[in-house]
Structure formats: C-alpha cells, structure tokens
Amino acid sequence: MIGLFVNEVNIINFLNQAARDNMDIRISTMTECEIFSGVISELEHTDIRFLNSQRYIDINSKIARLAGNIRREQKLKGRKLKAPDAIIIATAIEYNLALVSRDSDMNFVEIEYGINLIKL
C-alpha cells in the first residue's frame, strides 16, 4: 500500500482492476501503521477514499501469537522476518486471504504457509 502514495503504476492498476472486479480488499491495521509512519501525513491522505473506508482488520491476540510463531519458525530457518511482516502474514492466514505485496522477501509465504501471493 505504501506504493499507492508514490503513484506506483502497478499498484494503482491493481487497485483499479480490483475495484472493477468488485474485489473485497482488506488491510491489516499493521499496514495502516506503516502508512502513517511513512512520509505521508494524516492530513495528506484524508482525501484518499480507499484509506477512509472500513477495510481494516484489527490485530488480535490470535494473530499476535501466530505472528510470534511465524517469526520464531523463520528465525530457525535463518530468515530474518520483521514483526510487521509476520503480523501481516498471520492476518492473511487467520482470515484465509491472499497477500498482495511488492516485497520479494514475502515470496516464501506461498510454499511455507499456503498463502496465495499476488506480487506487484
């Protein structure tokens, strides 16, 4: 979602196509945190309708514990996985959602966790 704010064409095209296809897109509140911690201020994106919708999935205890387990598993495999990424992966697992990412570090989720990964 960060790419949305720097007008990355592939992300904008994906979101436009998703809207045309009536795709139900959800966003982890961890992603919301990442958006707000970036260079875009709250006032700058109040006009972006996509962010003002009720599309957010809250992080709960079940997701937090699953994310912790995922981080531990990946650490044992020699992969350094940041907590925000583990939370986003756990959210996708918990709600049986596809994961949309432009981060090549996420490629392992398809094989290891059976998550449908849409690469942008």
C-alpha atoms as a PDB file:
ATOM      1  CA  MET A   1       0.000   0.000   0.000  1.00  0.00           C
ATOM      2  CA  ILE A   2       2.923   2.340   0.524  1.00  0.00           C
ATOM      3  CA  GLY A   3       3.426   2.366  -3.250  1.00  0.00           C
ATOM      4  CA  LEU A   4      -0.017   3.911  -3.615  1.00  0.00           C
ATOM      5  CA  PHE A   5       1.322   7.170  -2.221  1.00  0.00           C
ATOM      6  CA  VAL A   6       4.209   7.399  -4.636  1.00  0.00           C
ATOM      7  CA  ASN A   7       1.928   6.614  -7.564  1.00  0.00           C
ATOM      8  CA  GLU A   8       3.451   3.245  -8.449  1.00  0.00           C
ATOM      9  CA  VAL A   9       1.640   2.317 -11.639  1.00  0.00           C
ATOM     10  CA  ASN A  10       1.403  -1.416 -10.908  1.00  0.00           C
ATOM     11  CA  ILE A  11      -0.266  -0.771  -7.550  1.00  0.00           C
ATOM     12  CA  ILE A  12      -2.679   1.799  -8.936  1.00  0.00           C
ATOM     13  CA  ASN A  13      -3.543  -0.549 -11.816  1.00  0.00           C
ATOM     14  CA  PHE A  14      -4.114  -3.431  -9.391  1.00  0.00           C
ATOM     15  CA  LEU A  15      -6.434  -1.362  -7.186  1.00  0.00           C
ATOM     16  CA  ASN A  16      -8.351  -0.051 -10.199  1.00  0.00           C
ATOM     17  CA  GLN A  17      -8.800  -3.593 -11.541  1.00  0.00           C
ATOM     18  CA  ALA A  18      -9.804  -4.829  -8.081  1.00  0.00           C
ATOM     19  CA  ALA A  19     -12.467  -2.108  -7.934  1.00  0.00           C
ATOM     20  CA  ARG A  20     -13.772  -3.052 -11.395  1.00  0.00           C
ATOM     21  CA  ASP A  21     -13.913  -6.714 -10.307  1.00  0.00           C
ATOM     22  CA  ASN A  22     -15.639  -5.804  -7.032  1.00  0.00           C
ATOM     23  CA  MET A  23     -12.785  -7.488  -5.170  1.00  0.00           C
ATOM     24  CA  ASP A  24     -13.096  -7.220  -1.406  1.00  0.00           C
ATOM     25  CA  ILE A  25      -9.744  -5.795  -0.314  1.00  0.00           C
ATOM     26  CA  ARG A  26      -8.832  -5.769   3.376  1.00  0.00           C
ATOM     27  CA  ILE A  27      -5.852  -4.146   5.050  1.00  0.00           C
ATOM     28  CA  SER A  28      -4.150  -5.199   8.265  1.00  0.00           C
ATOM     29  CA  THR A  29      -4.019  -2.411  10.815  1.00  0.00           C
ATOM     30  CA  MET A  30      -0.268  -3.104  10.768  1.00  0.00           C
ATOM     31  CA  THR A  31      -0.225  -1.823   7.198  1.00  0.00           C
ATOM     32  CA  GLU A  32      -2.181   1.208   8.372  1.00  0.00           C
ATOM     33  CA  CYS A  33       0.566   1.788  10.948  1.00  0.00           C
ATOM     34  CA  GLU A  34       3.220   1.515   8.246  1.00  0.00           C
ATOM     35  CA  ILE A  35       1.341   4.026   6.073  1.00  0.00           C
ATOM     36  CA  PHE A  36       1.080   6.552   8.909  1.00  0.00           C
ATOM     37  CA  SER A  37       4.726   6.111   9.858  1.00  0.00           C
ATOM     38  CA  GLY A  38       5.820   6.946   6.321  1.00  0.00           C
ATOM     39  CA  VAL A  39       6.249  10.316   4.740  1.00  0.00           C
ATOM     40  CA  ILE A  40       2.541  10.808   4.185  1.00  0.00           C
ATOM     41  CA  SER A  41       0.836  12.757   6.943  1.00  0.00           C
ATOM     42  CA  GLU A  42      -2.696  12.014   8.063  1.00  0.00           C
ATOM     43  CA  LEU A  43      -3.915  15.241   6.503  1.00  0.00           C
ATOM     44  CA  GLU A  44      -2.353  14.392   3.152  1.00  0.00           C
ATOM     45  CA  HIS A  45      -4.304  11.194   2.730  1.00  0.00           C
ATOM     46  CA  THR A  46      -7.668  12.103   4.228  1.00  0.00           C
ATOM     47  CA  ASP A  47      -8.834  12.628   0.643  1.00  0.00           C
ATOM     48  CA  ILE A  48      -7.918   9.098  -0.412  1.00  0.00           C
ATOM     49  CA  ARG A  49     -11.247   7.306  -0.249  1.00  0.00           C
ATOM     50  CA  PHE A  50      -9.629   3.874  -0.139  1.00  0.00           C
ATOM     51  CA  LEU A  51      -7.998   4.618   3.221  1.00  0.00           C
ATOM     52  CA  ASN A  52     -11.113   6.128   4.739  1.00  0.00           C
ATOM     53  CA  SER A  53     -13.187   3.012   4.202  1.00  0.00           C
ATOM     54  CA  GLN A  54     -13.865   0.318   6.761  1.00  0.00           C
ATOM     55  CA  ARG A  55     -11.403  -2.107   5.174  1.00  0.00           C
ATOM     56  CA  TYR A  56      -9.092  -2.599   8.135  1.00  0.00           C
ATOM     57  CA  ILE A  57      -8.608  -5.873  10.011  1.00  0.00           C
ATOM     58  CA  ASP A  58      -7.596  -5.382  13.624  1.00  0.00           C
ATOM     59  CA  ILE A  59      -4.711  -7.256  15.171  1.00  0.00           C
ATOM     60  CA  ASN A  60      -5.976  -9.520  17.916  1.00  0.00           C
ATOM     61  CA  SER A  61      -4.306 -11.905  20.337  1.00  0.00           C
ATOM     62  CA  LYS A  62      -4.707 -14.894  17.995  1.00  0.00           C
ATOM     63  CA  ILE A  63      -2.972 -13.014  15.168  1.00  0.00           C
ATOM     64  CA  ALA A  64      -0.247 -11.753  17.516  1.00  0.00           C
ATOM     65  CA  ARG A  65       0.514 -15.269  18.766  1.00  0.00           C
ATOM     66  CA  LEU A  66       0.511 -16.697  15.257  1.00  0.00           C
ATOM     67  CA  ALA A  67       2.852 -13.898  14.145  1.00  0.00           C
ATOM     68  CA  GLY A  68       5.196 -14.717  17.016  1.00  0.00           C
ATOM     69  CA  ASN A  69       5.215 -18.371  15.992  1.00  0.00           C
ATOM     70  CA  ILE A  70       5.894 -17.435  12.385  1.00  0.00           C
ATOM     71  CA  ARG A  71       8.820 -15.210  13.394  1.00  0.00           C
ATOM     72  CA  ARG A  72      10.270 -17.977  15.541  1.00  0.00           C
ATOM     73  CA  GLU A  73       9.899 -20.564  12.740  1.00  0.00           C
ATOM     74  CA  GLN A  74      11.530 -18.274  10.232  1.00  0.00           C
ATOM     75  CA  LYS A  75      14.366 -17.393  12.590  1.00  0.00           C
ATOM     76  CA  LEU A  76      15.119 -21.109  12.992  1.00  0.00           C
ATOM     77  CA  LYS A  77      15.304 -21.303   9.193  1.00  0.00           C
ATOM     78  CA  GLY A  78      17.773 -18.411   9.101  1.00  0.00           C
ATOM     79  CA  ARG A  79      15.296 -15.883   7.741  1.00  0.00           C
ATOM     80  CA  LYS A  80      15.032 -12.544   9.496  1.00  0.00           C
ATOM     81  CA  LEU A  81      11.369 -11.571   9.496  1.00  0.00           C
ATOM     82  CA  LYS A  82      10.265  -8.261  10.960  1.00  0.00           C
ATOM     83  CA  ALA A  83       7.303  -8.233  13.336  1.00  0.00           C
ATOM     84  CA  PRO A  84       5.123  -6.109  10.992  1.00  0.00           C
ATOM     85  CA  ASP A  85       5.602  -8.595   8.155  1.00  0.00           C
ATOM     86  CA  ALA A  86       4.852 -11.528  10.463  1.00  0.00           C
ATOM     87  CA  ILE A  87       1.650  -9.802  11.604  1.00  0.00           C
ATOM     88  CA  ILE A  88       0.555  -9.205   8.018  1.00  0.00           C
ATOM     89  CA  ILE A  89       1.263 -12.853   7.143  1.00  0.00           C
ATOM     90  CA  ALA A  90      -0.594 -14.055  10.246  1.00  0.00           C
ATOM     91  CA  THR A  91      -3.573 -11.868   9.353  1.00  0.00           C
ATOM     92  CA  ALA A  92      -3.710 -13.412   5.875  1.00  0.00           C
ATOM     93  CA  ILE A  93      -3.558 -16.901   7.388  1.00  0.00           C
ATOM     94  CA  GLU A  94      -6.179 -16.197  10.058  1.00  0.00           C
ATOM     95  CA  TYR A  95      -8.694 -14.787   7.588  1.00  0.00           C
ATOM     96  CA  ASN A  96      -7.723 -17.044   4.671  1.00  0.00           C
ATOM     97  CA  LEU A  97      -6.841 -14.072   2.476  1.00  0.00           C
ATOM     98  CA  ALA A  98      -4.496 -13.641  -0.437  1.00  0.00           C
ATOM     99  CA  LEU A  99      -1.498 -11.446   0.325  1.00  0.00           C
ATOM    100  CA  VAL A 100      -0.731  -8.605  -2.061  1.00  0.00           C
ATOM    101  CA  SER A 101       2.863  -7.451  -1.841  1.00  0.00           C
ATOM    102  CA  ARG A 102       5.611  -5.833  -3.824  1.00  0.00           C
ATOM    103  CA  ASP A 103       8.153  -7.123  -1.287  1.00  0.00           C
ATOM    104  CA  SER A 104      10.192 -10.003  -2.738  1.00  0.00           C
ATOM    105  CA  ASP A 105      11.036 -11.050   0.831  1.00  0.00           C
ATOM    106  CA  MET A 106       7.458 -12.360   1.051  1.00  0.00           C
ATOM    107  CA  ASN A 107       7.885 -14.944  -1.706  1.00  0.00           C
ATOM    108  CA  PHE A 108       8.262 -17.770   0.823  1.00  0.00           C
ATOM    109  CA  VAL A 109       4.680 -17.457   2.116  1.00  0.00           C
ATOM    110  CA  GLU A 110       3.151 -19.388  -0.766  1.00  0.00           C
ATOM    111  CA  ILE A 111       5.195 -22.517  -0.216  1.00  0.00           C
ATOM    112  CA  GLU A 112       5.575 -22.397   3.554  1.00  0.00           C
ATOM    113  CA  TYR A 113       2.114 -21.199   4.571  1.00  0.00           C
ATOM    114  CA  GLY A 114      -0.092 -21.883   1.553  1.00  0.00           C
ATOM    115  CA  ILE A 115      -0.955 -18.215   1.160  1.00  0.00           C
ATOM    116  CA  ASN A 116      -1.936 -17.050  -2.304  1.00  0.00           C
ATOM    117  CA  LEU A 117       0.636 -14.316  -3.012  1.00  0.00           C
ATOM    118  CA  ILE A 118      -0.173 -11.624  -5.542  1.00  0.00           C
ATOM    119  CA  LYS A 119       3.118  -9.997  -6.489  1.00  0.00           C
ATOM    120  CA  LEU A 120       3.101  -6.412  -7.670  1.00  0.00           C
END
